[in-house]
């Protein structure tokens, strides 16, 4: 699966996320019919996976999670604390941070 950065096509969504949540960083990716919204905040990272045409596959969830975790230093999160909420066409992955991703 190849994730393509399509953040520029979702300016309104990104602005709303930044204005209405504690997020300081938002990126949107596309993998065909699957859209991934990656949000970073001081204490957590949230990943929203949406596919309106079919159910999101377990392999997609695992690949997207692996893609994101490669970019977060291992000492910043506890893998056992990651929660995944699965609904029909939406998956939410929450990764609590043990320390901030942004250095002060």
Foldseek 3Di string as FASTA:
>chain_A
DDKAWPQVVPVVVVVCCVVPHQFPDWTWIDDDQKIWIWTFHFFKIKIKIFHPPFFDDPVNVVVVVVVVVVVQPPQQFDPVPWDWDGDGGMIMIMTTTPGGPDDD
